[in-house]
Protein backbone atom coordinates (compact mmCIF):
# COMPACT_ATOMS: atom_id res chain seq x y z
CA MET A 1 117.00 21.53 150.20
CA LEU A 2 117.71 25.10 151.26
CA LEU A 3 117.48 25.95 154.96
CA ASP A 4 116.54 29.44 156.11
CA THR A 5 118.85 28.87 159.05
CA PRO A 6 118.05 32.03 161.06
CA SER A 7 114.34 31.24 160.85
CA LEU A 8 115.03 27.72 162.09
CA TYR A 9 117.35 28.56 164.96
CA PHE A 10 114.99 31.29 166.22
CA ARG A 11 112.20 28.72 166.13
CA ALA A 12 114.38 26.23 167.98
CA PHE A 13 115.36 28.80 170.59
CA PHE A 14 111.76 29.60 171.46
CA GLY A 15 110.51 26.03 171.02
CA VAL A 16 113.08 24.03 172.98
CA PRO A 17 113.21 24.52 176.77
CA ASP A 18 116.01 26.79 178.00
CA SER A 19 116.78 24.13 180.59
CA ILE A 20 118.77 22.39 177.84
CA LYS A 21 122.31 23.43 178.72
CA ALA A 22 125.91 22.46 178.07
CA PRO A 23 128.00 20.86 180.84
CA ASP A 24 129.33 24.32 181.72
CA GLY A 25 125.78 25.66 182.12
CA SER A 26 125.65 27.67 178.89
CA PRO A 27 122.40 27.47 176.88
CA VAL A 28 122.30 25.14 173.88
CA ASN A 29 118.54 24.83 173.28
CA ALA A 30 118.72 26.51 169.85
CA VAL A 31 121.73 24.41 168.87
CA ARG A 32 120.12 21.15 169.90
CA GLY A 33 116.79 22.08 168.35
CA LEU A 34 118.40 22.92 165.01
CA ILE A 35 120.36 19.65 164.93
CA ASP A 36 117.17 17.70 165.53
CA MET A 37 115.34 19.73 162.87
CA ILE A 38 117.99 18.94 160.24
CA ALA A 39 117.93 15.24 161.14
CA THR A 40 114.13 15.17 160.81
CA LEU A 41 114.18 17.03 157.49
CA VAL A 42 116.84 14.80 155.96
CA ARG A 43 115.14 11.64 157.21
CA SER A 44 111.73 12.74 155.93
CA HIS A 45 112.69 14.24 152.58
CA SER A 46 115.99 12.58 151.57
CA PRO A 47 117.58 15.56 149.80
CA THR A 48 120.69 14.89 147.73
CA ALA A 49 121.96 18.44 148.28
CA LEU A 50 121.65 20.65 151.34
CA ALA A 51 122.60 24.24 152.11
CA ALA A 52 122.27 26.14 155.37
CA THR A 53 121.88 29.80 154.39
CA MET A 54 122.82 32.60 156.79
CA ASP A 55 122.35 36.36 157.16
CA ALA A 56 125.57 38.16 156.35
CA ASP A 57 123.56 41.37 156.79
CA TRP A 58 120.16 41.16 158.47
CA ARG A 59 119.19 44.69 157.29
CA PRO A 60 120.93 45.34 153.95
CA ALA A 61 121.77 48.92 153.06
CA PHE A 62 120.05 48.74 149.67
CA ARG A 63 116.76 47.83 151.34
CA VAL A 64 117.05 50.55 153.98
CA ALA A 65 117.85 53.08 151.25
CA ALA A 66 114.64 52.11 149.45
CA ILE A 67 112.40 51.96 152.56
CA PRO A 68 114.05 53.49 155.68
CA THR A 69 111.54 51.80 157.99
CA TYR A 70 112.69 48.35 156.86
CA LYS A 71 113.18 46.32 160.09
CA ALA A 72 113.83 49.59 161.94
CA HIS A 73 111.75 48.42 164.91
CA ARG A 74 114.15 45.50 165.41
CA VAL A 75 117.28 47.62 165.72
CA ALA A 76 119.05 47.35 169.06
CA HIS A 77 122.36 49.16 169.62
CA GLY A 78 123.89 50.80 166.56
CA ASP A 79 122.52 48.78 163.68
CA THR A 80 122.55 45.37 165.35
CA GLU A 81 119.46 43.20 165.51
CA GLN A 82 117.55 42.61 168.70
CA VAL A 83 118.45 39.01 169.51
CA PRO A 84 117.82 37.27 172.86
CA GLU A 85 120.99 37.37 174.92
CA ALA A 86 120.99 33.60 175.40
CA LEU A 87 120.79 33.00 171.64
CA VAL A 88 123.74 35.15 170.56
CA PRO A 89 126.58 32.76 171.56
CA GLN A 90 124.67 29.79 170.20
CA ILE A 91 124.80 31.14 166.64
CA ALA A 92 128.60 30.79 166.58
CA VAL A 93 128.28 27.21 167.87
CA ILE A 94 125.77 26.42 165.12
CA GLU A 95 128.19 27.72 162.50
CA GLN A 96 131.05 25.63 163.91
CA LEU A 97 128.89 22.50 163.98
CA LEU A 98 127.70 22.95 160.39
CA ASP A 99 131.29 23.36 159.23
CA ALA A 100 132.51 20.32 161.16
CA LEU A 101 129.65 18.22 159.81
CA GLY A 102 130.36 19.32 156.25
CA ILE A 103 126.92 20.82 155.65
CA ALA A 104 127.36 23.73 153.25
CA ARG A 105 126.95 27.07 155.04
CA LEU A 106 126.44 29.99 152.69
CA GLU A 107 126.12 33.74 153.10
CA SER A 108 126.82 36.75 150.93
CA PRO A 109 128.15 40.12 152.18
CA GLY A 110 125.42 42.75 152.14
CA TYR A 111 122.61 40.24 151.74
CA GLU A 112 120.15 38.26 153.84
CA ALA A 113 119.66 34.50 153.97
CA ASP A 114 116.52 35.00 151.83
CA ASP A 115 118.69 36.40 149.05
CA VAL A 116 121.07 33.46 149.22
CA ILE A 117 118.07 31.16 148.93
CA GLY A 118 116.75 33.16 145.99
CA THR A 119 120.11 32.95 144.22
CA LEU A 120 120.56 29.23 144.83
CA THR A 121 117.01 28.62 143.65
CA HIS A 122 117.69 30.59 140.48
CA GLN A 123 120.84 28.55 139.87
CA ALA A 124 119.30 25.17 140.66
CA ASP A 125 118.89 22.51 138.02
CA GLY A 126 116.04 20.45 139.43
CA ALA A 127 113.57 20.39 142.31
CA VAL A 128 114.10 22.72 145.27
CA ASP A 129 112.61 22.57 148.75
CA ILE A 130 112.96 25.74 150.86
CA VAL A 131 112.53 25.26 154.60
CA THR A 132 111.43 28.45 156.37
CA GLY A 133 108.93 30.07 158.68
CA ASP A 134 109.07 33.27 156.61
CA ARG A 135 106.18 33.91 154.24
CA ASP A 136 108.36 36.26 152.17
CA LEU A 137 109.84 33.19 150.50
CA PHE A 138 106.42 32.17 149.16
CA GLN A 139 107.33 34.40 146.22
CA LEU A 140 109.78 31.73 145.03
CA VAL A 141 107.30 28.89 144.60
CA ASP A 142 107.23 27.72 141.02
CA ASP A 143 105.46 24.56 139.94
CA ALA A 144 107.60 24.42 136.79
CA GLY A 145 110.85 24.20 138.79
CA PRO A 146 109.50 22.65 140.81
CA VAL A 147 110.22 24.97 143.74
CA ARG A 148 108.15 24.68 146.90
CA VAL A 149 108.33 25.95 150.45
CA LEU A 150 108.21 23.63 153.44
CA TYR A 151 106.59 26.06 155.86
CA THR A 152 107.35 25.53 159.54
CA ALA A 153 104.45 27.45 161.13
CA ARG A 154 103.01 24.20 162.51
CA GLY A 155 106.36 22.63 163.34
CA ILE A 156 109.01 20.59 161.56
CA ARG A 157 107.00 17.39 161.93
CA ASN A 158 103.88 18.99 160.50
CA LEU A 159 105.18 21.05 157.61
CA GLN A 160 102.83 22.84 155.26
CA ILE A 161 103.73 22.23 151.62
CA VAL A 162 103.47 25.57 149.84
CA ASP A 163 103.19 25.52 146.06
CA GLU A 164 101.35 27.72 143.59
CA ALA A 165 98.02 26.09 144.39
CA PHE A 166 98.51 26.76 148.11
CA VAL A 167 99.27 30.44 147.49
CA THR A 168 96.20 30.81 145.28
CA ALA A 169 93.96 29.03 147.77
CA LYS A 170 95.32 30.93 150.76
CA TYR A 171 95.47 34.46 149.36
CA GLY A 172 93.27 34.43 146.25
CA ILE A 173 96.10 35.53 143.95
CA PRO A 174 98.06 34.02 141.07
CA GLY A 175 100.40 31.38 142.46
CA ARG A 176 103.53 33.37 141.68
CA GLY A 177 102.15 36.73 142.77
CA TYR A 178 103.05 36.75 146.44
CA ALA A 179 105.75 39.47 146.27
CA ASP A 180 103.43 41.91 144.47
CA PHE A 181 100.61 41.09 146.88
CA ALA A 182 102.88 41.65 149.90
CA THR A 183 104.09 44.96 148.50
CA LEU A 184 100.53 46.30 148.34
CA ARG A 185 99.40 44.83 151.66
CA GLY A 186 102.58 45.63 153.58
CA ASP A 187 104.15 43.67 156.42
CA PRO A 188 104.44 45.30 159.86
CA SER A 189 106.86 42.59 161.03
CA ASP A 190 109.39 43.91 158.49
CA GLY A 191 108.49 47.59 158.79
CA LEU A 192 106.98 47.53 155.29
CA PRO A 193 104.10 50.03 155.32
CA GLY A 194 102.11 48.89 152.30
CA VAL A 195 99.58 51.17 150.62
CA PRO A 196 97.43 52.97 153.23
CA GLY A 197 93.87 51.76 152.99
CA VAL A 198 94.74 48.71 150.90
CA GLY A 199 94.31 45.57 152.96
CA GLU A 200 94.67 41.92 152.12
CA LYS A 201 91.38 41.57 150.20
CA THR A 202 91.92 44.68 148.09
CA ALA A 203 95.55 43.72 147.39
CA ALA A 204 94.41 40.27 146.26
CA ALA A 205 91.71 41.74 144.05
CA LEU A 206 94.19 44.11 142.39
CA ILE A 207 96.83 41.47 141.70
CA THR A 208 94.21 39.05 140.41
CA ARG A 209 92.68 41.72 138.14
CA PHE A 210 95.93 43.07 136.69
CA GLY A 211 98.17 40.01 137.03
CA SER A 212 101.17 41.80 138.47
CA LEU A 213 102.23 44.98 140.22
CA ALA A 214 104.03 46.14 137.06
CA ALA A 215 100.85 45.78 134.99
CA LEU A 216 98.83 47.52 137.70
CA LEU A 217 101.21 50.50 137.74
CA GLU A 218 101.20 50.66 133.95
CA ALA A 219 97.41 50.90 134.01
CA LEU A 220 97.56 53.52 136.75
CA ASP A 221 100.05 55.64 134.83
CA ALA A 222 98.03 55.27 131.61
CA GLY A 223 94.95 56.70 133.32
CA VAL A 224 92.95 53.48 133.21
CA THR A 225 89.99 53.74 135.59
CA GLY A 226 88.33 50.33 135.24
CA GLY A 227 89.24 47.35 137.41
CA PHE A 228 90.10 49.29 140.55
CA PRO A 229 88.06 48.59 143.70
CA ALA A 230 86.27 51.63 145.12
CA GLY A 231 88.76 54.20 146.39
CA ALA A 232 91.80 52.06 145.53
CA ARG A 233 92.92 54.04 142.50
CA SER A 234 93.43 57.28 144.41
CA ARG A 235 95.21 55.44 147.23
CA LEU A 236 97.58 53.79 144.77
CA ALA A 237 98.27 57.09 143.03
CA ALA A 238 99.12 58.71 146.38
CA ALA A 239 101.48 55.83 147.17
CA ARG A 240 103.27 55.89 143.80
CA ASP A 241 106.69 56.69 145.30
CA TYR A 242 106.38 53.82 147.77
CA LEU A 243 105.32 51.42 145.03
CA ARG A 244 108.31 52.46 142.94
CA ALA A 245 110.74 51.77 145.81
CA ALA A 246 109.18 48.75 147.54
CA PRO A 247 110.08 45.98 145.08
CA ALA A 248 113.76 46.44 145.97
CA VAL A 249 112.82 45.56 149.53
CA VAL A 250 110.24 42.84 148.98
CA GLU A 251 111.78 40.86 146.14
CA VAL A 252 114.55 38.47 147.14
CA ALA A 253 117.73 38.72 145.12
CA SER A 254 118.56 36.11 142.52
CA ASP A 255 122.10 37.24 141.78
CA CYS A 256 123.97 37.79 145.04
CA PRO A 257 127.63 36.72 144.83
CA LEU A 258 128.27 33.25 146.23
CA PRO A 259 131.40 31.10 146.27
CA ALA A 260 131.39 27.86 144.33
CA THR A 261 130.31 25.33 146.93
CA ASP A 262 129.61 21.61 146.89
CA LEU A 263 126.09 21.18 148.32
CA THR A 264 126.21 17.38 148.32
CA LEU A 265 124.74 15.92 151.49
CA PRO A 266 127.72 14.74 153.58
CA ALA A 267 127.77 11.02 154.41
CA LYS A 268 130.36 11.56 157.13
CA PRO A 269 131.76 14.58 159.02
CA ARG A 270 134.21 16.89 157.29
CA ASP A 271 136.17 17.37 160.52
CA PRO A 272 135.51 14.47 162.94
CA ASP A 273 137.94 15.74 165.58
CA ALA A 274 136.30 19.17 165.71
CA LEU A 275 132.88 17.54 165.88
CA VAL A 276 133.91 15.33 168.82
CA HIS A 277 135.29 18.39 170.62
CA LEU A 278 132.06 20.35 170.06
CA ALA A 279 129.89 17.40 171.09
CA ASP A 280 131.84 16.99 174.34
CA ARG A 281 132.01 20.68 175.14
CA TYR A 282 128.30 21.35 174.60
CA GLY A 283 126.83 17.97 175.59
CA LEU A 284 125.45 17.18 172.14
CA ASP A 285 126.36 13.51 171.73
CA GLY A 286 122.74 12.32 171.45
CA PRO A 287 121.41 14.75 168.81
CA LEU A 288 124.65 14.66 166.80
CA ASN A 289 124.70 10.87 166.73
CA ARG A 290 121.10 10.87 165.49
CA LEU A 291 122.00 13.35 162.76
CA LEU A 292 125.13 11.43 161.75
CA GLU A 293 123.13 8.20 161.55
CA THR A 294 120.59 9.93 159.32
CA LEU A 295 123.27 11.44 157.07
CA GLY A 296 125.11 8.13 156.82
CA GLY A 297 121.91 6.32 155.95
């Protein structure tokens, strides 16, 4: 099980009341929410291996070089991400708790959590569940793996199971075609413009007709005229530079450097003393005890 940790702690921050505070009055709603999420996931799905992936770089240089608008609307001061003030200190607490618990926490310099997930999925020998609220990771579903996404849009207790059949039913595209589809359609939440005039239905029709973005571009460059919805061919030709650059932004990496790490689900804390200190300092005895009971079981 691979956790898109930033996606989960943002969800926890906005989903758990900010009245949840540590004894010193500091906010811990995201921390507590994430602990409860992990306990629920482990209890419900019984993974044998677990990794909490992190953003070492939320806006990697290679993606910005390809598409300068990538996440540009989220930039705060300098090149830092706009993050709620009350969430910022909680991220460090989350990292300390994961380390004390012994839950593998992985990041890679110059890459996002999505890329770590993509790399671990590529390396995996067996079934993979990816827990995220980010549709970008739908591109990794693979029934042969099997690799599926446990999508959190409806909450941790009401996860949507995303496999190839789900992608086909939802978007009308081949089950493994989400990245190509997203490239054509664009994604305003990531500053990805897409092809002007090509919406979701046209993007789906193109990917279904040609099978992949690479095959579509090959047909475009070869002068093929059949199979293009009305007006789409000229729009694609005008967006050729974007379509050449966009895959570097949309496709998650499968080869980012990662340290050799044991992902085995811990049965007991790695650092009990540190965990007791964190539990006392931040008032987390209840949720941590529930998580420890789940891990031990």
